[in-house]
Amino acid sequence: MTWVKPKGHSKSRINWAGDVLINTESTEEEKILAIEILDNWRAIHSYPMHIFKKRLKEKSRLLDKNLLTVQRLKRVTAILNKLKRTQTSTMNLSQMQDIGGCRAVLSNVALVRDLHEKYYLKENFKHKKMKTQDYISNPKNDGYRSLHLIYKYNTDRKGKKYYNGLLIEIQIRSRLQHLWATAVETVGFFTRQAIKSNEGHPDWAEFFKLISSAFAKMENCPYVPDTPQDEKELYTKIKEKEKALKIIDKLKAWTNTMRLLDEKIKAKDKHKVEFFLLELDIVGRKLGILTYTKEQEQKAIDDYSALEKRHSGAKDYDVVLVGADTSKDLKKAYPNYFLDTGDFLIYLQKIINKY
């Protein structure tokens, strides 16, 4: 397979591209050149991301037969939004740590810890670890919980050295943590709120903080800051928020009104599909799916860029290119694209009914 190669842009040139794309005064000519630079910069993360995901899957499988692993290149809109949010900091495009990412979802927190300790702490790993962010032991204020590992790719392999220095993010989380994150993305998309970026309505933000603490309690993990430690008080507050926001009704309605393409994606599995390009149309309630084999990755990346350009600035569309082994894995990993919040609702209902 032929992987995308760097076009020789310097870090200062890459940072220039990022600055141009978030500057409202940039010319169209500058933007066209900048998006070409960004497209290549993002695409070259594909190879190291593939290497990290392959190892993540191999090691996870040794511990959990019910594991789920996926990989994804960060969307252009997500990259630019992150640059806008961090304009006052020193972070720039060449330093962004999660342009290429892979994720493992394991059955429980104990397995998350085992995977990290056995295969990322104790076992020799040639790539350089840059940072560990343990949001399970120290949940974010918004309720996000997961383990993040940032690595710098490093190899002596002939023909692959030009990928050295690229940063890849590994996320390891439990099933409960994944259900929470999925619900956040689903609500954020359908209510058009940037809940994930702490820009959502305060009531929704408070609900997700509370429910995250409830999930943390179930996993015997630290609570989210500024949430009740008493179970009855915590569950009662969740019940009040659910009633005020009609969360269960809304999630069920979104699930029931979406036109799922189950048979279509199941049929695709017969053709050794490795990449899925998803195009979600919120107004038309349609999910478009394009599939690609391993040998077609460059075409997948090109089509991804073309779709993003087509929907640039449109809030009613979302596009993502992901790698998954089967359509079944795809639906498990990105249930918000299929509006599958059923398991989240089961846990929420139990919490509401307890007191």
Protein backbone atom coordinates (compact mmCIF):
# COMPACT_ATOMS: atom_id res chain seq x y z
CA MET A 1 0.00 0.00 0.00
CA THR A 2 1.19 3.52 -0.81
CA TRP A 3 1.00 5.91 2.15
CA VAL A 4 0.76 9.68 1.85
CA LYS A 5 4.17 11.34 2.11
CA PRO A 6 5.07 14.78 3.47
CA LYS A 7 5.38 17.52 0.85
CA GLY A 8 8.28 19.11 2.68
CA HIS A 9 6.42 21.94 4.41
CA SER A 10 8.33 23.41 7.34
CA LYS A 11 6.69 23.67 10.76
CA SER A 12 6.50 27.44 10.37
CA ARG A 13 4.71 26.97 7.04
CA ILE A 14 2.28 24.50 8.62
CA ASN A 15 1.61 26.94 11.44
CA TRP A 16 1.09 29.69 8.86
CA ALA A 17 -1.60 27.55 7.22
CA GLY A 18 -3.39 27.14 10.53
CA ASP A 19 -3.25 30.88 11.22
CA VAL A 20 -4.57 31.72 7.75
CA LEU A 21 -7.54 29.38 8.07
CA ILE A 22 -8.75 30.93 11.34
CA ASN A 23 -8.09 34.52 10.30
CA THR A 24 -11.22 36.19 8.91
CA GLU A 25 -9.09 38.65 6.95
CA SER A 26 -7.19 36.00 4.95
CA THR A 27 -7.56 36.16 1.17
CA GLU A 28 -9.14 33.35 -0.87
CA GLU A 29 -5.78 32.68 -2.49
CA GLU A 30 -4.16 32.27 0.92
CA LYS A 31 -6.96 29.98 2.10
CA ILE A 32 -6.67 27.70 -0.94
CA LEU A 33 -2.94 27.26 -0.36
CA ALA A 34 -3.43 26.86 3.39
CA ILE A 35 -6.04 24.11 3.02
CA GLU A 36 -3.70 22.21 0.67
CA ILE A 37 -0.98 22.35 3.33
CA LEU A 38 -3.41 21.29 6.06
CA ASP A 39 -4.75 18.41 3.94
CA ASN A 40 -1.25 17.00 3.48
CA TRP A 41 -0.29 17.58 7.12
CA ARG A 42 -3.37 15.71 8.29
CA ALA A 43 -3.02 12.91 5.73
CA ILE A 44 0.57 12.04 6.62
CA HIS A 45 -0.60 11.09 10.11
CA SER A 46 -2.38 8.09 8.56
CA TYR A 47 0.62 5.78 8.55
CA PRO A 48 1.80 6.25 12.16
CA MET A 49 -1.85 6.19 13.27
CA HIS A 50 -2.23 2.81 11.53
CA ILE A 51 0.88 1.47 13.30
CA PHE A 52 -0.32 2.59 16.74
CA LYS A 53 -3.83 1.25 16.17
CA LYS A 54 -2.51 -2.14 15.05
CA ARG A 55 -0.51 -2.53 18.26
CA LEU A 56 -3.34 -1.18 20.39
CA LYS A 57 -5.68 -3.80 18.97
CA GLU A 58 -3.19 -6.65 19.40
CA LYS A 59 -2.49 -5.81 23.04
CA SER A 60 -6.11 -5.06 23.92
CA ARG A 61 -7.23 -8.39 22.51
CA LEU A 62 -4.94 -10.20 24.94
CA LEU A 63 -6.98 -8.77 27.81
CA ASP A 64 -10.53 -8.36 26.53
CA LYS A 65 -12.28 -10.35 23.81
CA ASN A 66 -15.08 -7.75 23.82
CA LEU A 67 -12.74 -4.90 23.00
CA LEU A 68 -13.39 -2.28 20.37
CA THR A 69 -10.64 -0.40 18.54
CA VAL A 70 -10.96 2.36 15.95
CA GLN A 71 -8.83 5.07 14.38
CA ARG A 72 -9.66 8.45 12.91
CA LEU A 73 -8.12 11.55 11.39
CA LYS A 74 -9.40 14.72 13.05
CA ARG A 75 -11.94 16.64 10.99
CA VAL A 76 -10.83 19.93 9.47
CA THR A 77 -13.62 21.79 11.26
CA ALA A 78 -12.54 20.25 14.57
CA ILE A 79 -8.92 21.21 13.93
CA LEU A 80 -9.83 24.80 13.13
CA ASN A 81 -12.21 25.10 16.08
CA LYS A 82 -9.47 23.89 18.39
CA LEU A 83 -7.04 26.43 16.95
CA LYS A 84 -9.60 29.19 17.48
CA ARG A 85 -10.15 28.16 21.11
CA THR A 86 -6.41 28.15 21.80
CA GLN A 87 -5.50 31.36 19.97
CA THR A 88 -4.33 32.94 23.22
CA SER A 89 -2.07 29.98 24.07
CA THR A 90 1.17 28.78 22.49
CA MET A 91 -0.48 25.78 20.78
CA ASN A 92 -0.41 25.85 16.98
CA LEU A 93 -1.13 23.47 14.10
CA SER A 94 2.25 21.73 14.04
CA GLN A 95 1.97 21.02 17.78
CA MET A 96 -1.58 19.63 17.79
CA GLN A 97 -1.44 16.24 19.47
CA ASP A 98 -4.63 14.56 18.26
CA ILE A 99 -4.74 15.04 14.48
CA GLY A 100 -4.27 11.29 14.24
CA GLY A 101 -5.84 9.19 16.96
CA CYS A 102 -6.81 5.66 17.86
CA ARG A 103 -9.06 4.40 20.62
CA ALA A 104 -9.65 1.22 22.57
CA VAL A 105 -12.90 0.68 24.46
CA LEU A 106 -12.62 -2.07 27.06
CA SER A 107 -15.29 -3.69 29.21
CA ASN A 108 -14.29 -2.01 32.48
CA VAL A 109 -11.81 0.30 34.19
CA ALA A 110 -9.70 -2.55 35.57
CA LEU A 111 -8.94 -3.67 32.02
CA VAL A 112 -8.12 -0.09 31.01
CA ARG A 113 -5.55 0.02 33.81
CA ASP A 114 -4.16 -3.41 32.92
CA LEU A 115 -3.67 -2.46 29.29
CA HIS A 116 -1.88 0.75 30.21
CA GLU A 117 0.37 -0.78 32.85
CA LYS A 118 1.31 -4.01 31.05
CA TYR A 119 1.82 -2.73 27.53
CA TYR A 120 2.50 0.99 27.77
CA LEU A 121 4.31 1.39 31.09
CA LYS A 122 6.26 -1.85 31.62
CA GLU A 123 6.78 -3.17 28.10
CA ASN A 124 9.53 -1.68 25.95
CA PHE A 125 8.03 0.64 23.36
CA LYS A 126 10.31 2.36 20.83
CA HIS A 127 8.10 5.40 20.28
CA LYS A 128 8.57 8.32 22.66
CA LYS A 129 5.81 9.01 25.15
CA MET A 130 5.23 12.75 25.35
CA LYS A 131 2.36 12.96 27.80
CA THR A 132 -0.08 10.93 29.88
CA GLN A 133 -3.44 12.52 30.74
CA ASP A 134 -5.37 10.43 33.23
CA TYR A 135 -8.90 11.80 33.14
CA ILE A 136 -10.18 8.72 34.98
CA SER A 137 -8.28 9.51 38.18
CA ASN A 138 -8.76 13.22 37.55
CA PRO A 139 -12.02 13.77 35.63
CA LYS A 140 -12.39 16.97 33.65
CA ASN A 141 -14.77 19.54 35.08
CA ASP A 142 -17.27 18.79 32.30
CA GLY A 143 -17.38 15.10 33.24
CA TYR A 144 -15.08 13.70 30.57
CA ARG A 145 -13.24 10.56 31.72
CA SER A 146 -10.68 8.59 29.71
CA LEU A 147 -6.97 7.79 29.62
CA HIS A 148 -4.97 9.67 26.98
CA LEU A 149 -1.44 8.80 25.89
CA ILE A 150 0.45 11.07 23.49
CA TYR A 151 3.31 9.49 21.54
CA LYS A 152 5.86 10.79 19.08
CA TYR A 153 6.36 8.33 16.23
CA ASN A 154 9.93 7.05 15.90
CA THR A 155 11.35 4.42 13.54
CA ASP A 156 14.57 3.35 11.84
CA ARG A 157 12.61 1.58 9.11
CA LYS A 158 13.68 2.45 5.60
CA GLY A 159 11.20 4.64 3.77
CA LYS A 160 9.27 5.53 6.94
CA LYS A 161 11.67 7.89 8.70
CA TYR A 162 9.95 10.95 7.27
CA TYR A 163 7.03 10.21 9.61
CA ASN A 164 9.31 10.54 12.63
CA GLY A 165 8.19 13.22 15.05
CA LEU A 166 4.48 13.06 14.22
CA LEU A 167 2.24 13.00 17.28
CA ILE A 168 -0.47 10.39 17.75
CA GLU A 169 -3.05 10.25 20.54
CA ILE A 170 -4.14 6.95 22.06
CA GLN A 171 -7.39 6.95 24.04
CA ILE A 172 -8.22 4.05 26.33
CA ARG A 173 -11.61 4.10 28.01
CA SER A 174 -14.20 1.84 29.59
CA ARG A 175 -17.55 1.02 28.06
CA LEU A 176 -19.38 3.30 30.51
CA GLN A 177 -17.04 6.18 29.73
CA HIS A 178 -17.66 5.58 26.03
CA LEU A 179 -21.44 5.60 26.48
CA TRP A 180 -21.18 8.97 28.21
CA ALA A 181 -18.99 10.46 25.47
CA THR A 182 -21.36 9.15 22.81
CA ALA A 183 -24.37 10.76 24.50
CA VAL A 184 -22.52 14.09 24.72
CA GLU A 185 -21.78 14.02 20.98
CA THR A 186 -25.32 12.99 20.09
CA VAL A 187 -26.97 15.72 22.16
CA GLY A 188 -24.42 18.26 20.99
CA PHE A 189 -25.10 17.54 17.35
CA PHE A 190 -28.88 17.47 17.49
CA THR A 191 -29.22 20.51 19.73
CA ARG A 192 -26.46 22.33 17.80
CA GLN A 193 -24.50 22.98 20.96
CA ALA A 194 -20.74 22.62 21.40
CA ILE A 195 -21.18 20.67 24.65
CA LYS A 196 -17.95 18.81 23.98
CA SER A 197 -16.08 22.13 23.91
CA ASN A 198 -17.74 23.51 27.06
CA GLU A 199 -19.90 25.89 25.03
CA GLY A 200 -23.27 24.27 25.56
CA HIS A 201 -26.33 25.30 27.58
CA PRO A 202 -25.60 25.25 31.34
CA ASP A 203 -28.45 22.79 32.05
CA TRP A 204 -27.12 20.23 29.58
CA ALA A 205 -23.58 20.76 30.85
CA GLU A 206 -24.72 20.19 34.44
CA PHE A 207 -26.63 17.04 33.48
CA PHE A 208 -23.57 15.48 31.86
CA LYS A 209 -21.39 16.36 34.85
CA LEU A 210 -23.87 14.66 37.16
CA ILE A 211 -24.36 11.54 35.05
CA SER A 212 -20.60 11.19 34.67
CA SER A 213 -20.23 11.16 38.45
CA ALA A 214 -22.94 8.51 38.66
CA PHE A 215 -21.01 6.38 36.16
CA ALA A 216 -17.79 7.03 38.09
CA LYS A 217 -19.47 5.77 41.26
CA MET A 218 -20.49 2.57 39.46
CA GLU A 219 -16.83 2.10 38.49
CA ASN A 220 -15.46 2.99 41.95
CA CYS A 221 -13.58 5.92 40.45
CA PRO A 222 -13.19 9.56 41.55
CA TYR A 223 -16.24 11.79 41.11
CA VAL A 224 -16.36 14.79 38.81
CA PRO A 225 -15.46 18.01 40.68
CA ASP A 226 -18.36 19.95 42.21
CA THR A 227 -20.91 17.14 42.09
CA PRO A 228 -22.67 15.53 45.10
CA GLN A 229 -20.82 12.69 46.81
CA ASP A 230 -24.00 11.27 48.32
CA GLU A 231 -25.67 8.80 45.95
CA LYS A 232 -29.26 9.78 46.72
CA GLU A 233 -28.54 13.48 46.30
CA LEU A 234 -26.64 12.83 43.07
CA TYR A 235 -29.34 10.61 41.57
CA THR A 236 -32.09 13.03 42.60
CA LYS A 237 -30.35 15.90 40.82
CA ILE A 238 -29.99 13.75 37.69
CA LYS A 239 -33.69 12.92 37.87
CA GLU A 240 -34.57 16.62 38.13
CA LYS A 241 -32.41 17.52 35.14
CA GLU A 242 -33.83 14.69 33.05
CA LYS A 243 -37.37 15.85 33.79
CA ALA A 244 -36.60 19.48 32.97
CA LEU A 245 -34.78 18.70 29.73
CA LYS A 246 -36.92 15.69 28.70
CA ILE A 247 -33.71 13.85 27.92
CA ILE A 248 -35.13 10.34 27.57
CA ASP A 249 -37.91 11.48 25.24
CA LYS A 250 -35.48 13.43 23.08
CA LEU A 251 -32.93 10.65 22.75
CA LYS A 252 -35.66 8.16 21.88
CA ALA A 253 -37.15 10.54 19.31
CA TRP A 254 -33.82 11.13 17.61
CA THR A 255 -33.19 7.40 17.49
CA ASN A 256 -36.62 6.60 16.05
CA THR A 257 -36.59 9.32 13.39
CA MET A 258 -33.17 8.56 11.92
CA ARG A 259 -33.11 6.50 8.73
CA LEU A 260 -30.52 3.86 9.49
CA LEU A 261 -28.79 2.06 6.66
CA ASP A 262 -28.17 -1.22 8.49
CA GLU A 263 -28.54 -3.58 5.56
CA LYS A 264 -26.38 -1.41 3.34
CA ILE A 265 -23.42 -1.35 5.70
CA LYS A 266 -23.77 -5.03 6.56
CA ALA A 267 -23.52 -5.87 2.86
CA LYS A 268 -20.33 -3.85 2.60
CA ASP A 269 -18.54 -6.17 5.04
CA LYS A 270 -18.28 -8.81 2.32
CA HIS A 271 -15.82 -6.69 0.36
CA LYS A 272 -12.99 -6.40 2.90
CA VAL A 273 -13.83 -2.84 3.81
CA GLU A 274 -11.35 -1.06 6.07
CA PHE A 275 -12.41 2.59 5.90
CA PHE A 276 -15.84 4.19 6.23
CA LEU A 277 -16.60 7.76 5.15
CA LEU A 278 -19.73 8.91 6.98
CA GLU A 279 -21.80 11.92 5.91
CA LEU A 280 -24.55 12.84 8.36
CA ASP A 281 -27.35 15.16 7.18
CA ILE A 282 -29.27 16.39 10.22
CA VAL A 283 -32.04 18.15 8.29
CA GLY A 284 -32.75 15.30 5.91
CA ARG A 285 -32.08 12.74 8.65
CA LYS A 286 -29.87 10.76 6.30
CA LEU A 287 -26.63 8.91 6.83
CA GLY A 288 -24.49 8.49 3.73
CA ILE A 289 -21.79 5.82 3.81
CA LEU A 290 -18.88 5.34 1.40
CA THR A 291 -16.55 2.39 1.93
CA TYR A 292 -12.96 1.73 0.94
CA THR A 293 -10.53 -1.17 1.00
CA LYS A 294 -7.05 -0.91 2.52
CA GLU A 295 -5.61 -0.19 -0.93
CA GLN A 296 -8.03 2.72 -1.42
CA GLU A 297 -6.97 4.77 1.61
CA GLN A 298 -5.64 7.67 -0.46
CA LYS A 299 -8.94 7.91 -2.35
CA ALA A 300 -10.76 7.82 1.01
CA ILE A 301 -8.66 10.74 2.28
CA ASP A 302 -9.21 12.69 -0.96
CA ASP A 303 -12.98 12.10 -0.81
CA TYR A 304 -12.97 13.10 2.86
CA SER A 305 -11.29 16.42 2.03
CA ALA A 306 -13.70 17.04 -0.86
CA LEU A 307 -16.78 16.44 1.31
CA GLU A 308 -15.43 18.72 4.04
CA LYS A 309 -14.90 21.49 1.50
CA ARG A 310 -18.41 20.98 0.12
CA HIS A 311 -19.98 21.34 3.58
CA SER A 312 -17.58 24.00 4.89
CA GLY A 313 -19.48 26.30 7.26
CA ALA A 314 -22.66 24.19 7.18
CA LYS A 315 -23.79 23.28 10.70
CA ASP A 316 -26.34 20.75 9.46
CA TYR A 317 -23.72 18.34 8.13
CA ASP A 318 -21.01 16.30 9.78
CA VAL A 319 -18.37 14.26 7.97
CA VAL A 320 -15.86 11.80 9.41
CA LEU A 321 -13.47 9.20 7.98
CA VAL A 322 -12.84 6.26 10.28
CA GLY A 323 -11.06 2.95 10.15
CA ALA A 324 -12.93 -0.02 11.61
CA ASP A 325 -12.75 -3.75 11.00
CA THR A 326 -16.46 -4.27 10.36
CA SER A 327 -19.65 -2.25 10.13
CA LYS A 328 -20.60 -3.75 13.49
CA ASP A 329 -17.46 -2.27 15.05
CA LEU A 330 -18.17 1.02 13.30
CA LYS A 331 -21.62 1.28 14.84
CA LYS A 332 -20.26 0.42 18.28
CA ALA A 333 -17.50 2.99 18.05
CA TYR A 334 -19.55 5.82 16.51
CA PRO A 335 -23.08 5.17 17.75
CA ASN A 336 -23.89 8.88 17.58
CA TYR A 337 -23.79 8.57 13.79
CA PHE A 338 -26.43 5.86 14.02
CA LEU A 339 -28.20 7.49 16.94
CA ASP A 340 -27.62 4.46 19.11
CA THR A 341 -27.86 5.77 22.65
CA GLY A 342 -29.93 2.80 23.80
CA ASP A 343 -27.39 1.50 26.31
CA PHE A 344 -26.91 4.97 27.77
CA LEU A 345 -30.68 5.24 28.24
CA ILE A 346 -30.78 1.91 30.08
CA TYR A 347 -28.31 3.20 32.68
CA LEU A 348 -30.06 6.56 32.91
CA GLN A 349 -33.40 4.86 33.50
CA LYS A 350 -31.94 2.76 36.33
CA ILE A 351 -30.56 5.87 38.01
CA ILE A 352 -33.89 7.68 37.74
CA ASN A 353 -35.86 4.74 39.09
CA LYS A 354 -33.66 4.05 42.12
CA TYR A 355 -35.02 6.78 44.41
